Amino acid sequence: RRGVALTMACGALLVAGVAVTWYGPGKDKPRILVRTPAGTECGTPGRAEGGTLVLRTELGEVRVSLAEATAVTAVETCPGAPAAK
């Protein structure tokens, strides 16, 4: 009798755990921070062609020369971007 109740409780907890992870919050897109002598650009990576990386920013697409990049870093949020809700 006690074993059946515990088995049912474990099953319910398993279903609840799967439901929470299945319907949890979505992942944000990755962001890349690129530093060059001309300045810093940050956004989600687009395409790379001919040594140029295209970043999608809030202001549109920005092309960054990878040959001129002094640092390329993965970041969770871009500097100066509003915090995610």
N, C-alpha and C. Protein backbone atom coordinates (compact mmCIF):
# COMPACT_ATOMS: atom_id res chain seq x y z
N ARG A 1 0.83 -1.19 0.00
CA ARG A 1 0.00 0.00 0.00
C ARG A 1 0.88 1.26 0.00
N ARG A 2 1.86 1.31 0.88
CA ARG A 2 2.75 2.46 0.97
C ARG A 2 3.61 2.55 -0.29
N GLY A 3 4.05 1.40 -0.81
CA GLY A 3 4.87 1.37 -2.02
C GLY A 3 4.13 1.91 -3.23
N VAL A 4 2.85 1.59 -3.34
CA VAL A 4 2.05 2.09 -4.46
C VAL A 4 1.94 3.61 -4.38
N ALA A 5 1.71 4.13 -3.18
CA ALA A 5 1.59 5.58 -3.00
C ALA A 5 2.91 6.28 -3.34
N LEU A 6 4.03 5.71 -2.90
CA LEU A 6 5.33 6.31 -3.21
C LEU A 6 5.65 6.23 -4.70
N THR A 7 5.27 5.14 -5.35
CA THR A 7 5.47 5.01 -6.79
C THR A 7 4.67 6.06 -7.54
N MET A 8 3.43 6.27 -7.13
CA MET A 8 2.59 7.29 -7.77
C MET A 8 3.17 8.70 -7.54
N ALA A 9 3.69 8.95 -6.33
CA ALA A 9 4.29 10.25 -6.03
C ALA A 9 5.53 10.48 -6.88
N CYS A 10 6.37 9.45 -7.04
CA CYS A 10 7.56 9.58 -7.88
C CYS A 10 7.18 9.83 -9.34
N GLY A 11 6.16 9.16 -9.81
CA GLY A 11 5.68 9.37 -11.18
C GLY A 11 5.19 10.79 -11.38
N ALA A 12 4.45 11.31 -10.39
CA ALA A 12 3.94 12.68 -10.48
C ALA A 12 5.10 13.68 -10.48
N LEU A 13 6.11 13.45 -9.65
CA LEU A 13 7.26 14.35 -9.62
C LEU A 13 8.04 14.30 -10.93
N LEU A 14 8.15 13.13 -11.52
CA LEU A 14 8.82 12.99 -12.80
C LEU A 14 8.09 13.77 -13.89
N VAL A 15 6.78 13.63 -13.93
CA VAL A 15 5.97 14.36 -14.92
C VAL A 15 6.10 15.87 -14.70
N ALA A 16 6.07 16.31 -13.44
CA ALA A 16 6.21 17.74 -13.15
C ALA A 16 7.59 18.25 -13.57
N GLY A 17 8.63 17.47 -13.32
CA GLY A 17 9.98 17.88 -13.72
C GLY A 17 10.12 18.02 -15.22
N VAL A 18 9.57 17.08 -15.96
CA VAL A 18 9.62 17.14 -17.43
C VAL A 18 8.83 18.34 -17.93
N ALA A 19 7.67 18.60 -17.34
CA ALA A 19 6.84 19.73 -17.76
C ALA A 19 7.56 21.05 -17.54
N VAL A 20 8.24 21.19 -16.41
CA VAL A 20 8.94 22.44 -16.11
C VAL A 20 10.08 22.67 -17.10
N THR A 21 10.85 21.63 -17.40
CA THR A 21 11.97 21.82 -18.33
C THR A 21 11.49 21.94 -19.78
N TRP A 22 10.41 21.28 -20.13
CA TRP A 22 9.90 21.33 -21.50
C TRP A 22 9.34 22.70 -21.83
N TYR A 23 8.59 23.28 -20.90
CA TYR A 23 7.92 24.56 -21.14
C TYR A 23 8.63 25.72 -20.46
N GLY A 24 9.88 25.55 -20.07
CA GLY A 24 10.64 26.60 -19.41
C GLY A 24 10.95 27.75 -20.37
N PRO A 25 11.65 28.76 -19.88
CA PRO A 25 11.97 29.91 -20.73
C PRO A 25 12.90 29.52 -21.88
N GLY A 26 12.73 30.19 -23.00
CA GLY A 26 13.56 29.92 -24.17
C GLY A 26 14.96 30.48 -24.00
N LYS A 27 15.89 29.94 -24.75
CA LYS A 27 17.27 30.43 -24.69
C LYS A 27 17.41 31.68 -25.55
N ASP A 28 18.21 32.60 -25.07
CA ASP A 28 18.53 33.78 -25.86
C ASP A 28 19.54 33.39 -26.94
N LYS A 29 19.56 34.18 -28.00
CA LYS A 29 20.54 33.94 -29.05
C LYS A 29 21.93 34.32 -28.54
N PRO A 30 22.97 33.66 -29.03
CA PRO A 30 24.32 34.00 -28.59
C PRO A 30 24.71 35.40 -29.08
N ARG A 31 25.54 36.05 -28.33
CA ARG A 31 26.01 37.38 -28.71
C ARG A 31 27.53 37.38 -28.74
N ILE A 32 28.09 38.16 -29.65
CA ILE A 32 29.54 38.24 -29.80
C ILE A 32 29.96 39.70 -29.69
N LEU A 33 31.01 39.93 -28.91
CA LEU A 33 31.60 41.25 -28.76
C LEU A 33 32.91 41.25 -29.54
N VAL A 34 33.05 42.17 -30.49
CA VAL A 34 34.25 42.26 -31.32
C VAL A 34 34.91 43.61 -31.08
N ARG A 35 36.18 43.57 -30.67
CA ARG A 35 36.94 44.81 -30.46
C ARG A 35 37.91 45.00 -31.63
N THR A 36 37.92 46.22 -32.16
CA THR A 36 38.84 46.59 -33.24
C THR A 36 39.47 47.93 -32.86
N PRO A 37 40.53 48.35 -33.56
CA PRO A 37 41.09 49.67 -33.28
C PRO A 37 40.07 50.79 -33.49
N ALA A 38 39.07 50.57 -34.34
CA ALA A 38 38.06 51.59 -34.62
C ALA A 38 36.98 51.64 -33.55
N GLY A 39 36.87 50.62 -32.70
CA GLY A 39 35.83 50.61 -31.68
C GLY A 39 35.35 49.20 -31.37
N THR A 40 34.21 49.13 -30.70
CA THR A 40 33.65 47.85 -30.27
C THR A 40 32.27 47.67 -30.88
N GLU A 41 32.00 46.48 -31.39
CA GLU A 41 30.68 46.14 -31.92
C GLU A 41 30.19 44.90 -31.19
N CYS A 42 28.88 44.82 -30.96
CA CYS A 42 28.31 43.68 -30.26
C CYS A 42 26.96 43.35 -30.88
N GLY A 43 26.70 42.06 -31.05
CA GLY A 43 25.42 41.62 -31.61
C GLY A 43 25.39 40.12 -31.80
N THR A 44 24.32 39.66 -32.41
CA THR A 44 24.21 38.22 -32.70
C THR A 44 24.94 37.94 -34.01
N PRO A 45 25.68 36.85 -34.05
CA PRO A 45 26.45 36.56 -35.26
C PRO A 45 25.55 36.24 -36.44
N GLY A 46 25.92 36.78 -37.57
CA GLY A 46 25.22 36.48 -38.82
C GLY A 46 26.10 35.60 -39.67
N ARG A 47 26.42 36.07 -40.84
CA ARG A 47 27.25 35.27 -41.74
C ARG A 47 28.67 35.81 -41.73
N ALA A 48 29.59 34.98 -42.17
CA ALA A 48 30.99 35.39 -42.34
C ALA A 48 31.35 35.15 -43.80
N GLU A 49 31.89 36.18 -44.42
CA GLU A 49 32.26 36.06 -45.84
C GLU A 49 33.47 36.92 -46.12
N GLY A 50 34.46 36.34 -46.76
CA GLY A 50 35.65 37.08 -47.17
C GLY A 50 36.38 37.76 -46.02
N GLY A 51 36.46 37.13 -44.86
CA GLY A 51 37.16 37.72 -43.73
C GLY A 51 36.36 38.78 -43.00
N THR A 52 35.07 38.88 -43.31
CA THR A 52 34.21 39.86 -42.67
C THR A 52 33.08 39.14 -41.94
N LEU A 53 32.85 39.53 -40.69
CA LEU A 53 31.76 38.97 -39.90
C LEU A 53 30.62 39.97 -39.88
N VAL A 54 29.42 39.49 -40.13
CA VAL A 54 28.24 40.35 -40.08
C VAL A 54 27.55 40.12 -38.74
N LEU A 55 27.41 41.20 -37.95
CA LEU A 55 26.71 41.14 -36.68
C LEU A 55 25.35 41.80 -36.82
N ARG A 56 24.33 41.19 -36.24
CA ARG A 56 23.00 41.80 -36.22
C ARG A 56 22.85 42.55 -34.90
N THR A 57 22.73 43.87 -34.99
CA THR A 57 22.59 44.71 -33.81
C THR A 57 21.20 45.32 -33.79
N GLU A 58 20.90 46.07 -32.73
CA GLU A 58 19.60 46.74 -32.65
C GLU A 58 19.44 47.78 -33.74
N LEU A 59 20.56 48.30 -34.25
CA LEU A 59 20.52 49.33 -35.29
C LEU A 59 20.60 48.77 -36.69
N GLY A 60 20.73 47.46 -36.82
CA GLY A 60 20.84 46.82 -38.13
C GLY A 60 22.09 45.96 -38.21
N GLU A 61 22.44 45.59 -39.44
CA GLU A 61 23.62 44.74 -39.64
C GLU A 61 24.88 45.59 -39.70
N VAL A 62 25.93 45.08 -39.04
CA VAL A 62 27.23 45.76 -39.01
C VAL A 62 28.28 44.77 -39.50
N ARG A 63 29.13 45.23 -40.42
CA ARG A 63 30.22 44.38 -40.94
C ARG A 63 31.50 44.71 -40.18
N VAL A 64 32.17 43.65 -39.70
CA VAL A 64 33.41 43.81 -38.95
C VAL A 64 34.49 42.98 -39.62
N SER A 65 35.63 43.61 -39.91
CA SER A 65 36.76 42.89 -40.51
C SER A 65 37.44 42.05 -39.43
N LEU A 66 37.50 40.74 -39.65
CA LEU A 66 38.14 39.86 -38.68
C LEU A 66 39.65 40.04 -38.67
N ALA A 67 40.23 40.52 -39.78
CA ALA A 67 41.67 40.77 -39.82
C ALA A 67 42.05 41.92 -38.90
N GLU A 68 41.14 42.86 -38.68
CA GLU A 68 41.41 44.01 -37.82
C GLU A 68 40.97 43.78 -36.38
N ALA A 69 40.27 42.68 -36.11
CA ALA A 69 39.76 42.42 -34.76
C ALA A 69 40.91 42.14 -33.80
N THR A 70 40.88 42.82 -32.65
CA THR A 70 41.88 42.56 -31.61
C THR A 70 41.36 41.57 -30.58
N ALA A 71 40.03 41.40 -30.50
CA ALA A 71 39.43 40.43 -29.57
C ALA A 71 38.03 40.08 -30.05
N VAL A 72 37.70 38.81 -29.94
CA VAL A 72 36.35 38.32 -30.24
C VAL A 72 35.92 37.50 -29.03
N THR A 73 34.83 37.92 -28.37
CA THR A 73 34.41 37.30 -27.12
C THR A 73 32.93 36.99 -27.15
N ALA A 74 32.55 35.82 -26.65
CA ALA A 74 31.13 35.49 -26.48
C ALA A 74 30.65 36.14 -25.18
N VAL A 75 29.51 36.83 -25.24
CA VAL A 75 28.95 37.50 -24.06
C VAL A 75 27.48 37.14 -23.93
N GLU A 76 26.95 37.26 -22.70
CA GLU A 76 25.53 36.98 -22.48
C GLU A 76 24.67 38.16 -22.91
N THR A 77 25.14 39.38 -22.63
CA THR A 77 24.42 40.58 -23.06
C THR A 77 25.44 41.58 -23.58
N CYS A 78 25.00 42.38 -24.51
CA CYS A 78 25.88 43.41 -25.05
C CYS A 78 25.95 44.58 -24.06
N PRO A 79 27.12 45.22 -23.94
CA PRO A 79 27.23 46.37 -23.05
C PRO A 79 26.25 47.46 -23.47
N GLY A 80 25.55 48.02 -22.52
CA GLY A 80 24.59 49.08 -22.80
C GLY A 80 23.24 48.59 -23.25
N ALA A 81 23.08 47.27 -23.43
CA ALA A 81 21.78 46.72 -23.85
C ALA A 81 20.88 46.61 -22.63
N PRO A 82 19.57 46.81 -22.81
CA PRO A 82 18.65 46.66 -21.68
C PRO A 82 18.65 45.22 -21.18
N ALA A 83 18.47 45.04 -19.89
CA ALA A 83 18.45 43.70 -19.29
C ALA A 83 17.26 42.91 -19.81
N ALA A 84 17.47 41.61 -20.02
CA ALA A 84 16.39 40.73 -20.50
C ALA A 84 15.36 40.55 -19.40
N LYS A 85 14.09 40.51 -19.80
CA LYS A 85 13.01 40.34 -18.83
C LYS A 85 12.67 38.89 -18.65
